[in-house]
Protein backbone atom coordinates (compact mmCIF):
# COMPACT_ATOMS: atom_id res chain seq x y z
CA MET A 1 89.59 109.79 65.77
CA ASN A 2 92.02 107.39 67.06
CA ASP A 3 92.50 103.78 66.86
CA ARG A 4 91.82 103.49 70.57
CA ARG A 5 88.35 105.36 70.42
CA LYS A 6 86.99 103.74 67.65
CA SER A 7 87.52 100.36 69.20
CA LEU A 8 85.79 101.29 72.23
CA GLU A 9 82.99 102.30 70.15
CA THR A 10 82.71 99.07 68.64
CA GLN A 11 83.19 97.58 71.98
CA ASP A 12 80.21 99.69 72.86
CA LYS A 13 78.06 98.13 70.34
CA LEU A 14 78.79 94.76 70.67
CA LEU A 15 79.41 94.27 74.11
CA ASP A 16 76.66 95.50 77.20
CA ARG A 17 78.64 97.13 79.77
CA GLY A 18 76.40 99.00 82.00
CA TRP A 19 75.09 98.04 85.16
CA HIS A 20 74.53 99.41 88.19
CA LEU A 21 78.10 100.45 88.76
CA ALA A 22 78.65 101.63 85.60
CA ARG A 23 75.56 103.82 83.93
CA THR A 24 77.47 107.00 82.43
CA PRO A 25 81.17 106.37 79.75
CA LEU A 26 83.02 107.59 82.98
CA GLU A 27 81.29 105.15 85.43
CA ILE A 28 82.06 102.50 83.00
CA ASP A 29 85.22 103.47 82.79
CA VAL A 30 86.11 103.49 86.43
CA THR A 31 84.41 100.21 87.25
CA GLU A 32 86.98 98.41 84.09
CA VAL A 33 89.61 99.80 85.98
CA GLU A 34 88.53 98.20 89.00
CA TYR A 35 87.64 95.14 87.77
CA ALA A 36 91.24 94.97 86.27
CA LEU A 37 92.89 95.96 89.33
CA MET A 38 91.09 93.12 91.47
CA ARG A 39 92.08 90.59 88.64
CA SER A 40 95.44 92.09 88.83
CA TYR A 41 95.60 92.04 92.87
CA GLU A 42 94.75 87.98 92.43
CA ALA A 43 97.19 87.37 89.77
CA PHE A 44 99.75 88.91 91.60
CA GLY A 45 98.76 86.99 94.58
CA HIS A 46 99.20 84.16 92.84
CA TRP A 47 102.69 85.01 90.68
CA GLN A 48 103.97 85.58 94.43
CA ALA A 49 102.80 82.49 96.12
CA GLU A 50 104.02 80.45 93.05
CA CYS A 51 107.84 82.05 92.87
CA LEU A 52 108.10 81.52 96.89
CA ALA A 53 107.54 78.13 96.24
CA THR A 54 110.15 77.75 93.68
CA VAL A 55 112.61 79.00 96.64
CA ILE A 56 111.18 77.05 99.49
CA GLU A 57 108.74 74.95 100.87
CA PHE A 58 106.71 77.68 102.65
CA SER A 59 103.10 78.06 102.08
CA ALA A 60 102.13 82.19 101.96
CA SER A 61 99.55 84.14 100.71
CA GLY A 62 100.16 87.16 98.54
CA PRO A 63 100.22 89.75 101.84
CA GLU A 64 102.29 87.56 103.80
CA ASN A 65 104.92 87.00 100.67
CA ALA A 66 104.66 91.11 100.24
CA LEU A 67 105.26 91.65 104.18
CA LEU A 68 108.49 89.24 104.10
CA HIS A 69 109.89 91.36 101.40
CA ILE A 70 108.76 94.95 102.98
CA ILE A 71 110.55 93.45 106.27
CA ARG A 72 113.86 93.02 104.17
CA MET A 73 113.52 96.47 101.86
CA ASN A 74 116.33 98.83 103.12
CA ASP A 75 117.51 95.94 105.39
CA ARG A 76 116.00 97.87 108.31
CA PRO A 77 113.75 96.50 110.90
CA LYS A 78 110.00 97.51 110.63
CA SER A 79 107.29 97.48 113.15
CA VAL A 80 103.82 96.55 112.96
CA ARG A 81 102.95 100.35 112.12
CA ASP A 82 105.35 100.78 109.91
CA LEU A 83 104.26 97.39 108.24
CA ALA A 84 100.87 98.80 108.48
CA GLN A 85 101.66 102.17 106.57
CA MET A 86 103.34 101.16 104.07
CA THR A 87 101.28 98.31 102.71
CA ASN A 88 97.85 100.87 103.37
CA ARG A 89 96.33 98.14 105.82
CA ASP A 90 94.44 98.74 108.87
CA ASP A 91 93.93 95.14 109.44
CA ILE A 92 96.75 94.98 112.15
CA PRO A 93 95.38 91.60 113.76
CA ASN A 94 95.86 89.58 110.37
CA ILE A 95 99.43 91.60 109.83
CA GLN A 96 99.99 89.91 113.14
CA TYR A 97 98.69 86.36 112.22
CA SER A 98 101.23 86.78 108.90
CA LEU A 99 103.88 87.83 111.60
CA ARG A 100 103.49 84.87 113.44
CA LYS A 101 103.34 82.56 110.48
CA LEU A 102 106.56 84.11 108.97
CA LEU A 103 108.41 84.07 112.64
CA LYS A 104 107.35 79.97 112.49
CA GLY A 105 108.96 79.64 109.48
CA GLY A 106 112.09 81.29 110.50
CA LEU A 107 112.08 83.91 107.91
CA ILE A 108 112.11 86.67 110.36
CA THR A 109 112.91 87.26 113.72
CA ARG A 110 111.57 89.98 116.16
CA THR A 111 113.12 92.14 118.97
CA GLY A 112 112.12 94.19 121.50
CA SER A 113 108.93 94.60 123.85
CA GLY A 114 105.80 96.35 124.47
CA ARG A 115 103.83 97.80 121.67
CA ALA A 116 105.88 100.34 120.48
CA GLY A 117 109.09 98.63 120.69
CA VAL A 118 108.66 95.44 118.70
CA THR A 119 109.98 95.06 115.32
CA TYR A 120 110.97 93.03 112.50
CA GLU A 121 113.91 91.62 110.87
CA VAL A 122 114.63 88.60 108.18
CA THR A 123 116.60 86.08 109.19
CA PRO A 124 119.77 84.68 107.32
CA LEU A 125 117.35 82.02 105.68
CA GLY A 126 115.13 85.11 105.26
CA TYR A 127 117.97 86.79 103.49
CA ARG A 128 118.81 83.75 101.43
CA VAL A 129 115.21 83.58 100.55
CA THR A 130 114.49 87.05 99.78
CA GLU A 131 117.59 87.20 97.28
CA ARG A 132 116.86 84.05 95.58
CA TYR A 133 112.92 85.26 95.34
CA ALA A 134 114.49 88.31 93.36
CA ASP A 135 116.79 86.47 91.23
CA ILE A 136 113.84 84.00 90.03
CA ARG A 137 111.75 87.29 89.47
CA SER A 138 114.23 88.83 87.27
CA VAL A 139 114.32 85.91 85.21
CA LEU A 140 110.91 85.20 84.78
CA LEU A 141 108.98 88.34 84.90
CA ILE A 142 111.22 91.67 84.79
CA GLU A 143 112.60 89.69 81.18
CA ALA A 144 109.08 89.11 80.16
CA VAL A 145 108.30 92.60 81.34
CA LYS A 146 111.29 94.03 78.90
CA ARG A 147 109.80 92.23 75.79
CA ILE A 148 106.87 94.14 75.54
CA PRO A 149 107.64 97.47 73.53
CA GLU A 150 107.61 100.59 75.52
CA MET A 151 106.41 99.02 78.49
CA ALA A 152 109.03 100.71 80.96
CA GLU A 153 107.01 104.16 80.52
CA LYS A 154 103.87 102.63 80.60
CA LEU A 155 104.46 101.32 84.11
CA GLU A 156 105.94 104.45 85.42
CA ASP A 157 102.13 106.01 84.17
CA VAL A 158 101.00 103.31 85.65
CA ALA A 159 102.29 103.53 89.22
CA ARG A 160 101.46 107.46 88.72
CA THR A 161 97.50 106.73 88.17
CA LEU A 162 97.32 103.81 91.03
CA GLU A 163 99.00 105.88 93.32
CA LEU A 164 96.58 108.66 92.41
CA MET A 165 93.22 106.56 92.31
CA THR A 166 95.22 105.23 95.98
CA GLY A 167 94.16 108.83 97.18
CA ILE A 168 90.73 108.94 95.56
CA TYR A 169 89.70 105.78 96.98
CA GLU A 170 91.03 106.97 100.84
CA GLN A 171 89.09 110.17 100.28
CA ALA A 172 86.22 108.49 99.27
CA ALA A 173 86.42 105.89 102.17
CA ARG A 174 86.72 108.73 104.48
CA ALA A 175 83.88 110.51 103.03
CA ALA A 176 81.42 107.56 103.36
CA ALA A 177 82.73 107.02 106.71
CA THR A 178 81.48 110.40 107.92
CA HIS A 179 78.49 110.36 105.85
CA ARG A 180 77.53 107.46 107.39
CA ARG A 181 74.10 106.76 108.27
CA ARG A 182 72.56 104.25 111.03
CA HIS A 183 70.04 101.83 109.61
CA PRO A 184 66.76 100.63 110.35
CA GLN A 185 66.53 96.85 112.04
CA PRO A 186 64.35 95.00 109.84
CA GLU A 187 61.15 93.68 110.80
CA PRO A 188 60.71 90.12 112.81
CA ALA A 189 59.87 87.73 109.52
CA GLY A 190 55.74 87.46 110.57
CA GLY A 191 55.55 90.97 110.85
CA LYS A 192 54.16 93.07 113.69
CA ASP A 193 51.17 91.16 114.37
CA ASP A 194 53.04 87.94 115.43
């Protein structure tokens, strides 16, 4: 028996990890991954905001910061549709709000017209900010990752696993949407006789 399995069995004896989303060992494992994803997402957002704050006095959420770097990616203009596809988002109004914020901050520029013809690029200020962000990221984040033995190999496996889980979640979401039922309206609080 390997050390990991023995540790998990010890945890199972000491901790109650079962609840309505985690009734079987597989459900427990999936739920643990989901909570790790939620916590990682929040930590990633905190990191992005703090790293950006070291570069420029501009308050941006994690998703807004991500949009800035994705707009800069490969130094080519991106449309709202490109940004939505690249980030796996469908909340176009929120993306547009974030773009307006980045525009107002002078970090990006908008060119073109019409729904399909508008694209976004970083401004010279946006370029300097993203370059400085990359420098700070390298010193603070990448150097910390380098100090963990075999982390590079682990990150490659994690990235592949997350991509697979993204596909599974997307397929499950489509299936749930396909099989959605109309829910009956609840009765008024006083009942039928009121």
